[in-house]
Amino acid sequence: MTAPPATLGKLPADAFGMLVLPPVPAGLIEGFRGLADLTGMCSDAMDELGLAGTIPGSILQARDPSVRVVGRALTVRNLRREENFAAALASGVSMLADVEAHNLAEPGDVLVLQGIDLISNMGSILASLARRQGEIGAIVDGAVRDVDHSRAIGYPVWSRSLSPITGKWRIETVAINKPVAICGIAVAPGDIVLADEVGVCFVPRLRAAEVLERARRIGLNEEKRQAAIRAGADIAEVMAGGGRG
């Protein structure tokens, strides 16, 4: 049996929920990527299945609106540091340790970070490390900075806010690959993350195949209705049976 990966020693052992994320079933990521309207169709499918997991793009904004991602959630939880800024700075000790997550990342993972708003939880160095490790993007419930650098290296970021204020002396990382809450939505490590300009969807891992099947069905119905519009069908025919707006 392969030994679990080693951590960097920046956090105690109990800060890690898991060192290796559960595998994603074959074809699942590619299936979601094939949806014409990624988060819209997924959101509709989750509605039909009674699942809450969608966050509008006006809340978590795409810092590169041209990109969309589908991947596995690699989770981090940050808290506001207890010491005041002056004391933390004087100590010379940063308590930001989200680099531990990047150390465990596998190609195709998406960083999902429960962070602090209006203080940067991620800058250019960590974005570069994440990109090098094969991560395909980051979802940050909090602020980030250096987004021009993230765009330049092809590491898309969705965040609640932007801020030049460093988290180095203001934020403490307390958990890696444990459940987090992103804008009130519970996300477990290994869940499926979908993000585009319109929003972000978190799909529970054990329901992902079911959500994809339902989203594909929605997509096929939409294709038929679009074809009917192009063919000149009257409005009553196009709108028969309801469907997406």
Protein backbone atom coordinates (compact mmCIF):
# COMPACT_ATOMS: atom_id res chain seq x y z
CA MET A 1 0.00 0.00 0.00
CA THR A 2 1.29 3.45 -0.91
CA ALA A 3 2.25 5.57 2.09
CA PRO A 4 0.22 8.77 2.60
CA PRO A 5 1.96 11.97 1.51
CA ALA A 6 4.04 13.80 4.09
CA THR A 7 2.88 17.16 5.40
CA LEU A 8 5.12 20.21 5.78
CA GLY A 9 4.84 20.43 9.57
CA LYS A 10 3.11 23.81 9.59
CA LEU A 11 -0.03 22.43 11.23
CA PRO A 12 -0.70 19.74 13.85
CA ALA A 13 -1.86 16.34 12.65
CA ASP A 14 -5.42 16.91 13.85
CA ALA A 15 -5.77 19.89 11.52
CA PHE A 16 -5.91 17.48 8.56
CA GLY A 17 -9.16 15.74 7.77
CA MET A 18 -7.54 13.54 5.13
CA LEU A 19 -4.25 13.48 3.30
CA VAL A 20 -5.56 11.78 0.16
CA LEU A 21 -8.87 12.81 -1.41
CA PRO A 22 -11.33 10.15 -2.62
CA PRO A 23 -11.03 9.37 -6.34
CA VAL A 24 -13.53 10.75 -8.82
CA PRO A 25 -15.41 8.11 -10.86
CA ALA A 26 -14.25 7.85 -14.46
CA GLY A 27 -16.08 10.12 -16.87
CA LEU A 28 -17.69 12.31 -14.23
CA ILE A 29 -15.50 15.40 -14.66
CA GLU A 30 -15.67 15.13 -18.45
CA GLY A 31 -19.44 14.74 -18.25
CA PHE A 32 -19.90 17.97 -16.34
CA ARG A 33 -17.48 19.78 -18.65
CA GLY A 34 -19.72 18.77 -21.55
CA LEU A 35 -22.70 20.75 -20.25
CA ALA A 36 -23.48 23.71 -22.48
CA ASP A 37 -24.52 25.95 -19.58
CA LEU A 38 -22.26 24.64 -16.83
CA THR A 39 -23.52 26.15 -13.59
CA GLY A 40 -27.01 26.94 -14.86
CA MET A 41 -27.86 23.37 -15.81
CA CYS A 42 -26.16 21.99 -12.72
CA SER A 43 -28.07 24.42 -10.50
CA ASP A 44 -31.37 23.40 -12.11
CA ALA A 45 -30.52 19.73 -11.66
CA MET A 46 -29.71 20.22 -7.99
CA ASP A 47 -32.95 22.15 -7.51
CA GLU A 48 -34.89 19.20 -8.91
CA LEU A 49 -33.04 16.85 -6.56
CA GLY A 50 -33.54 19.05 -3.50
CA LEU A 51 -29.83 19.88 -3.13
CA ALA A 52 -28.51 23.29 -2.09
CA GLY A 53 -25.12 24.08 -3.54
CA THR A 54 -25.20 27.10 -5.87
CA ILE A 55 -23.63 30.51 -5.23
CA PRO A 56 -24.33 33.38 -7.65
CA GLY A 57 -21.49 34.99 -9.55
CA SER A 58 -22.37 38.34 -8.02
CA ILE A 59 -21.26 36.95 -4.63
CA LEU A 60 -18.26 34.85 -5.70
CA GLN A 61 -16.94 36.77 -8.66
CA ALA A 62 -14.87 35.24 -11.44
CA ARG A 63 -11.63 37.18 -11.70
CA ASP A 64 -11.28 35.81 -15.23
CA PRO A 65 -14.81 35.62 -16.67
CA SER A 66 -13.65 33.75 -19.77
CA VAL A 67 -12.76 30.58 -17.82
CA ARG A 68 -14.82 27.71 -16.44
CA VAL A 69 -13.58 24.83 -14.32
CA VAL A 70 -14.74 21.42 -13.10
CA GLY A 71 -12.70 19.60 -10.47
CA ARG A 72 -12.43 18.01 -7.06
CA ALA A 73 -12.57 20.15 -3.91
CA LEU A 74 -9.35 20.54 -1.92
CA THR A 75 -10.49 22.39 1.19
CA VAL A 76 -8.91 24.96 3.52
CA ARG A 77 -10.31 26.86 6.50
CA ASN A 78 -8.81 30.15 7.60
CA LEU A 79 -9.73 32.20 10.67
CA ARG A 80 -8.92 35.71 11.77
CA ARG A 81 -5.79 35.63 13.91
CA GLU A 82 -6.38 36.36 17.60
CA GLU A 83 -3.36 38.64 18.16
CA ASN A 84 -3.65 42.20 16.99
CA PHE A 85 -1.67 43.19 13.92
CA ALA A 86 1.16 44.90 15.81
CA ALA A 87 1.78 41.90 18.06
CA ALA A 88 1.61 39.46 15.17
CA LEU A 89 4.02 41.52 13.10
CA ALA A 90 6.43 41.84 16.02
CA SER A 91 6.40 38.07 16.51
CA GLY A 92 7.64 37.56 12.96
CA VAL A 93 5.60 34.35 12.76
CA SER A 94 3.02 33.91 10.03
CA MET A 95 0.18 31.50 10.86
CA LEU A 96 -1.00 31.19 7.27
CA ALA A 97 -0.49 27.54 6.40
CA ASP A 98 -2.69 26.92 3.37
CA VAL A 99 0.47 25.88 1.57
CA GLU A 100 -0.18 22.52 3.28
CA ALA A 101 -3.16 22.07 0.96
CA HIS A 102 -1.11 22.85 -2.13
CA ASN A 103 1.44 20.32 -0.94
CA LEU A 104 -1.28 17.63 -1.02
CA ALA A 105 -2.88 18.75 -4.27
CA GLU A 106 -3.26 16.44 -7.25
CA PRO A 107 -3.71 17.58 -10.86
CA GLY A 108 -7.27 18.70 -11.51
CA ASP A 109 -8.07 19.74 -7.92
CA VAL A 110 -9.81 23.02 -7.13
CA LEU A 111 -8.83 24.87 -3.95
CA VAL A 112 -11.95 25.69 -1.90
CA LEU A 113 -11.07 28.13 0.85
CA GLN A 114 -13.27 29.37 3.68
CA GLY A 115 -11.46 32.59 4.46
CA ILE A 116 -11.60 36.15 5.73
CA ASP A 117 -13.23 38.93 3.77
CA LEU A 118 -11.38 42.17 2.89
CA ILE A 119 -8.01 40.63 3.83
CA SER A 120 -6.06 38.69 1.23
CA ASN A 121 -6.11 34.92 1.68
CA MET A 122 -4.07 34.31 -1.49
CA GLY A 123 -1.45 36.16 -3.49
CA SER A 124 0.91 35.50 -6.37
CA ILE A 125 3.29 33.05 -4.68
CA LEU A 126 0.57 30.62 -3.58
CA ALA A 127 -1.21 30.99 -6.90
CA SER A 128 2.01 30.03 -8.68
CA LEU A 129 2.56 27.05 -6.37
CA ALA A 130 -1.02 25.92 -6.90
CA ARG A 131 -0.68 26.16 -10.66
CA ARG A 132 2.58 24.22 -10.59
CA GLN A 133 0.95 21.48 -8.50
CA GLY A 134 -1.72 21.03 -11.15
CA GLU A 135 -4.63 22.77 -9.44
CA ILE A 136 -7.04 24.23 -11.98
CA GLY A 137 -8.45 27.10 -9.92
CA ALA A 138 -9.51 28.45 -6.54
CA ILE A 139 -12.83 29.35 -4.91
CA VAL A 140 -12.25 31.77 -2.03
CA ASP A 141 -14.95 32.89 0.40
CA GLY A 142 -12.89 35.93 1.31
CA ALA A 143 -10.48 38.30 -0.39
CA VAL A 144 -7.56 37.66 -2.73
CA ARG A 145 -4.97 39.86 -4.38
CA ASP A 146 -2.54 39.77 -7.34
CA VAL A 147 -5.34 38.69 -9.65
CA ASP A 148 -3.47 40.02 -12.68
CA HIS A 149 -0.77 37.45 -11.92
CA SER A 150 -3.33 34.67 -11.46
CA ARG A 151 -4.86 35.48 -14.85
CA ALA A 152 -1.43 35.64 -16.49
CA ILE A 153 -0.44 32.14 -15.32
CA GLY A 154 -3.81 30.56 -16.12
CA TYR A 155 -4.94 30.00 -12.54
CA PRO A 156 -8.55 31.21 -12.38
CA VAL A 157 -9.86 32.52 -9.07
CA TRP A 158 -13.40 33.16 -7.81
CA SER A 159 -13.56 35.30 -4.67
CA ARG A 160 -15.93 37.29 -2.49
CA SER A 161 -13.71 40.38 -2.62
CA LEU A 162 -10.35 41.85 -3.58
CA SER A 163 -7.90 43.41 -1.15
CA PRO A 164 -4.22 44.41 -1.17
CA ILE A 165 -4.06 43.89 2.61
CA THR A 166 -1.86 40.91 3.43
CA GLY A 167 -3.20 38.06 5.51
CA LYS A 168 0.31 37.10 6.59
CA TRP A 169 -0.09 38.70 10.03
CA ARG A 170 -3.89 38.68 10.19
CA ILE A 171 -5.05 35.16 9.24
CA GLU A 172 -4.54 31.72 10.74
CA THR A 173 -5.04 28.46 8.83
CA VAL A 174 -6.77 25.90 11.06
CA ALA A 175 -7.89 23.03 8.81
CA ILE A 176 -6.96 21.23 5.60
CA ASN A 177 -9.33 18.80 3.85
CA LYS A 178 -12.05 19.10 6.45
CA PRO A 179 -15.61 20.29 5.74
CA VAL A 180 -15.92 24.03 5.11
CA ALA A 181 -18.78 26.49 4.62
CA ILE A 182 -18.58 28.65 1.50
CA CYS A 183 -21.10 31.48 1.56
CA GLY A 184 -23.25 29.29 3.79
CA ILE A 185 -22.97 26.18 1.57
CA ALA A 186 -21.43 23.09 3.17
CA VAL A 187 -18.57 21.65 1.11
CA ALA A 188 -16.75 18.42 1.90
CA PRO A 189 -13.28 17.57 0.61
CA GLY A 190 -13.68 15.58 -2.58
CA ASP A 191 -16.97 17.20 -3.60
CA ILE A 192 -17.26 18.28 -7.24
CA VAL A 193 -16.76 21.98 -7.97
CA LEU A 194 -18.18 23.70 -11.05
CA ALA A 195 -17.49 27.38 -11.68
CA ASP A 196 -17.98 29.85 -14.51
CA GLU A 197 -18.80 33.54 -14.96
CA VAL A 198 -22.37 32.98 -13.78
CA GLY A 199 -21.61 31.30 -10.46
CA VAL A 200 -20.25 28.34 -8.53
CA CYS A 201 -21.88 24.96 -7.84
CA PHE A 202 -20.74 22.50 -5.19
CA VAL A 203 -22.03 19.01 -5.94
CA PRO A 204 -21.91 16.45 -3.09
CA ARG A 205 -19.55 13.69 -4.18
CA LEU A 206 -21.99 10.85 -3.50
CA ARG A 207 -24.74 12.55 -5.52
CA ALA A 208 -22.58 13.78 -8.39
CA ALA A 209 -23.49 11.05 -10.89
CA GLU A 210 -27.18 11.62 -10.20
CA VAL A 211 -26.80 15.39 -10.64
CA LEU A 212 -24.92 14.91 -13.91
CA GLU A 213 -27.59 12.58 -15.29
CA ARG A 214 -30.31 15.09 -14.44
CA ALA A 215 -28.30 18.01 -15.88
CA ARG A 216 -27.75 16.12 -19.14
CA ARG A 217 -31.49 15.52 -19.39
CA ILE A 218 -32.08 19.24 -18.90
CA GLY A 219 -29.51 19.97 -21.58
CA LEU A 220 -31.16 17.68 -24.11
CA ASN A 221 -34.53 19.32 -23.48
CA GLU A 222 -32.95 22.73 -23.98
CA GLU A 223 -31.37 21.67 -27.28
CA LYS A 224 -34.79 20.55 -28.56
CA ARG A 225 -36.40 23.85 -27.54
CA GLN A 226 -33.62 25.91 -29.13
CA ALA A 227 -34.03 23.89 -32.33
CA ALA A 228 -37.76 24.57 -32.26
CA ILE A 229 -37.10 28.31 -31.93
CA ARG A 230 -34.73 28.24 -34.91
CA ALA A 231 -37.30 26.29 -36.91
CA GLY A 232 -39.91 28.98 -36.32
CA ALA A 233 -42.17 27.07 -33.92
CA ASP A 234 -44.82 29.21 -32.26
CA ILE A 235 -44.28 30.35 -28.68
CA ALA A 236 -46.88 28.00 -27.20
CA GLU A 237 -45.11 25.01 -28.74
CA VAL A 238 -41.68 26.17 -27.59
CA MET A 239 -42.85 26.79 -24.03
CA ALA A 240 -44.93 23.62 -23.72
CA GLY A 241 -43.83 21.59 -20.75
CA GLY A 242 -42.04 24.42 -19.01
CA GLY A 243 -38.26 24.23 -18.93
CA ARG A 244 -35.49 26.66 -18.25
CA GLY A 245 -35.86 30.38 -18.72
